[in-house]
Protein backbone atom coordinates (compact mmCIF):
# COMPACT_ATOMS: atom_id res chain seq x y z
CA UNK A 1 0.13 0.15 -0.07
CA UNK A 2 2.80 2.51 0.83
CA UNK A 3 4.46 1.58 -2.72
CA UNK A 4 0.79 2.20 -4.39
CA UNK A 5 0.38 6.10 -2.41
CA UNK A 6 4.06 6.60 -3.12
CA UNK A 7 3.93 6.14 -7.02
CA UNK A 8 0.10 7.92 -6.54
CA UNK A 9 1.88 11.10 -5.32
CA UNK A 10 4.86 10.65 -8.18
CA UNK A 11 1.96 10.58 -10.94
CA UNK A 12 0.18 12.71 -9.90
CA UNK A 13 2.62 15.57 -9.54
CA UNK A 14 4.24 14.35 -12.72
CA UNK A 15 1.04 14.62 -14.71
CA UNK A 16 0.19 18.13 -13.07
CA UNK A 17 3.55 19.54 -14.62
CA UNK A 18 3.12 17.67 -17.86
CA UNK A 19 -0.20 19.37 -18.68
CA UNK A 20 0.68 22.28 -17.77
CA UNK A 21 4.20 22.40 -19.34
CA UNK A 22 3.61 19.98 -22.14
CA UNK A 23 6.54 17.84 -20.63
CA UNK A 24 7.59 15.94 -17.70
CA UNK A 25 5.69 12.88 -16.79
CA UNK A 26 7.70 10.32 -18.44
CA UNK A 27 10.47 11.66 -17.35
CA UNK A 28 9.93 12.19 -13.55
CA UNK A 29 8.12 8.75 -13.93
CA UNK A 30 10.79 6.82 -15.18
CA UNK A 31 13.46 8.59 -13.32
CA UNK A 32 11.72 7.51 -9.88
CA UNK A 33 11.63 3.75 -11.35
CA UNK A 34 14.96 3.78 -12.10
CA UNK A 35 15.86 4.93 -8.84
CA UNK A 36 14.11 2.31 -7.05
CA UNK A 37 15.83 -0.68 -9.31
CA UNK A 38 13.25 -1.34 -11.83
CA UNK A 39 15.39 -2.24 -15.41
CA UNK A 40 15.17 0.48 -18.33
CA UNK A 41 12.63 -1.62 -20.73
CA UNK A 42 10.63 -2.41 -17.67
CA UNK A 43 10.58 1.32 -16.59
CA UNK A 44 9.84 2.35 -19.82
CA UNK A 45 7.24 0.12 -20.60
CA UNK A 46 5.26 0.88 -17.15
CA UNK A 47 5.22 4.70 -17.75
CA UNK A 48 4.01 4.06 -20.89
CA UNK A 49 1.32 1.83 -19.52
CA UNK A 50 0.31 4.40 -17.35
CA UNK A 51 0.11 7.18 -20.16
CA UNK A 52 -2.35 5.24 -22.16
CA UNK A 53 -4.63 6.37 -18.86
CA UNK A 54 -3.02 10.05 -18.38
CA UNK A 55 -2.23 11.07 -21.97
CA UNK A 56 -6.38 10.68 -22.46
CA UNK A 57 -7.35 12.20 -19.42
CA UNK A 58 -5.24 15.60 -20.18
CA UNK A 59 -5.54 15.30 -24.02
CA UNK A 60 -9.76 15.24 -23.46
CA UNK A 61 -8.90 18.59 -21.19
CA UNK A 62 -7.16 20.20 -23.90
CA UNK A 63 -9.65 19.42 -26.28
CA UNK A 64 -12.42 20.88 -24.44
CA UNK A 65 -10.31 23.66 -24.35
CA UNK A 66 -9.46 24.12 -27.65
CA UNK A 67 -5.53 24.26 -27.43
CA UNK A 68 -5.03 21.71 -30.42
CA UNK A 69 -3.84 22.72 -33.44
CA UNK A 70 -4.59 19.77 -35.72
CA UNK A 71 -2.38 20.90 -38.83
CA UNK A 72 0.44 20.50 -36.53
CA UNK A 73 -1.18 17.03 -34.95
CA UNK A 74 -1.50 15.12 -37.89
CA UNK A 75 2.22 15.93 -38.90
CA UNK A 76 3.75 14.93 -35.93
CA UNK A 77 2.10 11.70 -34.80
CA UNK A 78 3.29 9.90 -38.01
CA UNK A 79 6.95 10.44 -37.07
CA UNK A 80 6.70 10.13 -33.65
CA UNK A 81 4.77 6.80 -33.92
CA UNK A 82 7.44 5.63 -36.00
CA UNK A 83 10.42 6.97 -34.05
CA UNK A 84 8.68 5.21 -30.77
CA UNK A 85 8.39 1.94 -32.10
CA UNK A 86 11.72 1.77 -33.32
CA UNK A 87 12.98 3.07 -29.72
CA UNK A 88 11.15 0.18 -28.11
CA UNK A 89 12.36 -2.48 -30.30
CA UNK A 90 16.12 -1.11 -29.48
CA UNK A 91 15.46 -0.81 -26.41
CA UNK A 92 14.36 -4.38 -25.56
CA UNK A 93 17.15 -5.86 -27.53
CA UNK A 94 19.98 -4.89 -25.49
CA UNK A 95 20.01 -5.82 -21.33
CA UNK A 96 19.12 -3.57 -18.98
CA UNK A 97 22.59 -2.76 -17.34
CA UNK A 98 24.09 -2.39 -20.31
CA UNK A 99 21.27 0.48 -21.49
CA UNK A 100 20.77 1.64 -17.92
CA UNK A 101 24.35 4.02 -18.00
CA UNK A 102 23.03 5.80 -21.47
CA UNK A 103 19.20 5.97 -20.42
CA UNK A 104 20.64 8.04 -17.30
CA UNK A 105 22.99 10.34 -19.38
CA UNK A 106 20.23 11.42 -21.39
CA UNK A 107 17.95 12.15 -18.46
CA UNK A 108 20.92 13.97 -16.97
CA UNK A 109 20.61 16.13 -20.19
CA UNK A 110 16.85 16.65 -20.12
CA UNK A 111 17.18 17.87 -16.48
CA UNK A 112 19.82 20.19 -17.23
CA UNK A 113 18.17 21.60 -20.76
CA UNK A 114 14.61 21.84 -18.30
CA UNK A 115 17.12 23.98 -15.87
CA UNK A 116 18.60 26.19 -18.63
CA UNK A 117 15.01 26.78 -20.24
CA UNK A 118 14.30 27.95 -17.03
CA UNK A 119 17.04 30.98 -17.25
CA UNK A 120 16.55 31.84 -20.70
CA UNK A 121 13.81 32.78 -22.71
CA UNK A 122 13.38 31.01 -26.28
CA UNK A 123 12.40 33.83 -28.81
CA UNK A 124 9.40 33.59 -31.10
CA UNK A 125 9.86 33.25 -34.71
CA UNK A 126 7.17 31.98 -37.42
CA UNK A 127 7.62 27.66 -37.10
CA UNK A 128 9.26 26.19 -40.09
CA UNK A 129 7.23 23.00 -41.16
CA UNK A 130 10.04 21.18 -42.28
CA UNK A 131 11.18 20.59 -38.84
CA UNK A 132 8.24 18.61 -37.76
CA UNK A 133 9.12 15.04 -39.11
CA UNK A 134 13.00 15.21 -37.76
CA UNK A 135 11.94 16.28 -34.30
CA UNK A 136 8.55 13.89 -34.30
CA UNK A 137 10.88 10.99 -35.01
CA UNK A 138 13.75 11.70 -32.44
CA UNK A 139 11.18 13.19 -29.51
CA UNK A 140 9.37 9.37 -30.18
CA UNK A 141 12.91 7.64 -30.42
CA UNK A 142 13.81 8.98 -27.10
CA UNK A 143 10.50 8.59 -25.14
CA UNK A 144 10.84 4.79 -25.98
CA UNK A 145 14.28 4.35 -24.96
CA UNK A 146 14.40 6.68 -22.07
CA UNK A 147 11.00 6.03 -20.85
CA UNK A 148 9.99 9.69 -21.23
CA UNK A 149 11.05 12.54 -23.25
CA UNK A 150 8.22 13.25 -26.21
CA UNK A 151 7.02 16.38 -23.99
CA UNK A 152 10.82 17.77 -23.45
CA UNK A 153 11.91 17.51 -26.97
CA UNK A 154 8.88 17.57 -28.59
CA UNK A 155 7.62 20.99 -27.18
CA UNK A 156 11.02 22.43 -26.41
CA UNK A 157 11.66 21.98 -29.91
CA UNK A 158 8.33 23.38 -31.31
CA UNK A 159 8.76 26.04 -28.70
CA UNK A 160 12.49 26.71 -29.55
CA UNK A 161 11.17 27.03 -33.56
CA UNK A 162 8.22 29.74 -32.43
CA UNK A 163 5.11 27.58 -32.07
CA UNK A 164 2.81 29.46 -29.67
CA UNK A 165 2.89 28.15 -26.23
CA UNK A 166 -0.59 27.37 -25.92
CA UNK A 167 -1.28 25.67 -29.20
CA UNK A 168 2.12 23.57 -28.55
CA UNK A 169 1.73 22.00 -25.43
CA UNK A 170 -2.15 21.19 -26.18
CA UNK A 171 -1.12 19.62 -29.88
CA UNK A 172 1.95 17.66 -27.67
CA UNK A 173 -0.30 16.34 -24.59
CA UNK A 174 -2.94 15.27 -27.12
CA UNK A 175 -0.78 13.55 -29.38
CA UNK A 176 1.31 11.73 -26.76
CA UNK A 177 -1.92 9.42 -26.14
CA UNK A 178 -1.40 8.01 -29.83
CA UNK A 179 2.50 7.67 -28.98
CA UNK A 180 2.45 5.78 -25.80
CA UNK A 181 -0.45 3.51 -27.63
CA UNK A 182 2.32 2.67 -30.25
CA UNK A 183 5.19 2.68 -27.79
CA UNK A 184 2.87 0.29 -25.51
CA UNK A 185 1.88 -2.33 -28.46
CA UNK A 186 5.56 -2.48 -29.71
CA UNK A 187 6.48 -3.59 -26.10
CA UNK A 188 3.63 -6.19 -26.27
CA UNK A 189 4.64 -7.52 -29.71
CA UNK A 190 8.29 -7.80 -28.63
CA UNK A 191 6.77 -10.24 -25.59
CA UNK A 192 4.59 -11.92 -28.08
CA UNK A 193 7.36 -13.06 -30.03
CA UNK A 194 10.15 -13.81 -27.52
CA UNK A 195 12.17 -10.67 -28.80
CA UNK A 196 12.02 -9.25 -25.14
CA UNK A 197 13.16 -12.33 -22.73
CA UNK A 198 13.55 -10.51 -19.56
CA UNK A 199 9.64 -9.59 -19.41
CA UNK A 200 9.02 -12.55 -17.55
CA UNK A 201 10.09 -11.32 -14.94
CA UNK A 202 8.26 -7.80 -14.54
CA UNK A 203 6.38 -7.22 -11.24
CA UNK A 204 6.05 -3.19 -11.16
CA UNK A 205 1.96 -3.48 -11.50
CA UNK A 206 1.37 -1.65 -8.26
CA UNK A 207 3.98 1.21 -9.24
CA UNK A 208 2.02 1.46 -12.72
CA UNK A 209 -1.58 1.32 -10.77
CA UNK A 210 -0.07 4.29 -8.71
CA UNK A 211 1.55 6.26 -11.41
CA UNK A 212 -2.11 5.84 -13.51
CA UNK A 213 -4.58 6.85 -10.39
CA UNK A 214 -2.04 10.04 -9.33
CA UNK A 215 -1.98 10.99 -13.17
CA UNK A 216 -5.91 10.90 -14.26
CA UNK A 217 -6.29 12.64 -10.69
CA UNK A 218 -4.07 15.54 -11.99
CA UNK A 219 -4.74 16.03 -15.59
CA UNK A 220 -7.77 17.96 -15.18
CA UNK A 221 -6.01 20.14 -12.49
CA UNK A 222 -3.26 20.97 -14.44
CA UNK A 223 -4.80 24.27 -16.38
CA UNK A 224 -5.53 25.64 -12.53
CA UNK A 225 -2.04 24.70 -11.00
CA UNK A 226 -0.28 26.77 -13.55
CA UNK A 227 -2.05 29.83 -12.70
CA UNK A 228 -0.59 29.41 -9.24
CA UNK A 229 3.06 28.30 -10.17
CA UNK A 230 5.13 30.56 -12.73
CA UNK A 231 6.15 28.55 -15.80
CA UNK A 232 9.77 29.26 -14.96
CA UNK A 233 9.57 27.82 -11.32
CA UNK A 234 7.81 24.81 -12.56
CA UNK A 235 10.85 24.40 -15.12
CA UNK A 236 13.19 24.62 -12.57
CA UNK A 237 12.01 22.22 -9.75
CA UNK A 238 11.71 20.04 -12.22
CA UNK A 239 15.00 20.41 -13.88
CA UNK A 240 16.33 20.14 -10.42
CA UNK A 241 14.71 16.70 -9.60
CA UNK A 242 15.60 15.32 -12.44
CA UNK A 243 18.94 16.23 -12.51
CA UNK A 244 19.43 15.14 -8.76
CA UNK A 245 17.72 11.52 -9.19
CA UNK A 246 20.01 11.10 -12.45
CA UNK A 247 23.14 12.05 -10.14
CA UNK A 248 22.05 9.80 -7.56
CA UNK A 249 21.84 6.60 -10.49
CA UNK A 250 24.87 7.82 -11.48
CA UNK A 251 26.43 7.55 -8.01
CA UNK A 252 24.91 3.97 -8.03
CA UNK A 253 26.44 2.88 -11.45
CA UNK A 254 29.93 3.93 -10.34
CA UNK A 255 29.67 1.71 -7.38
CA UNK A 256 30.11 5.21 -4.79
CA UNK A 257 26.33 4.24 -3.24
């Protein structure tokens, strides 16, 4: 029960930030799972299973408030899905201990990038549609391979290209449901085909349930919470948390803890 409540709190915090800023649910959740010793492939599969529920709730809220740019949505989805499926296949092709250092490094970079963004305002320019394809594919790949990354990569990339924050965040959140679905189906396919041999050791259903409950409860509240805390403050809190946890994992990998 304690584990369930812990991950429910993690899911609530992660989804509150993700719904308000278009990023961080997967990164926070996967970082906490990795810190608890969950192998990278299982951590990513757990987060994407939970995201099927949380992204549906979050996307519905943005749909209700008309925060979705449908033209951008349909351009982003095919490349995000393709990148996510490839990332899931790559992650389940290697032993978790071999992949974990790279995943930890990736999360540390994302955390540092969020901290950087909190101190530097990205200039506004017209978005060039030609960047959507590589950006979507990269974000989808890193999302599956790292257990989180669709929001940080896609949202920051689109904002960096001059996207309007309201529609970028709404579109990225809404599209994340299809990304999570495609990645989850890819993990399922690796189990059915025997490609992912370690899947039989999966034992984290309690943590997944906690992430789902906490995330679903937070999704409708994200819009109100962002009015209380400034975006810059939220980015600094998330960036600091992710960087701190990634540093903890690094110390574990090097045998210093």
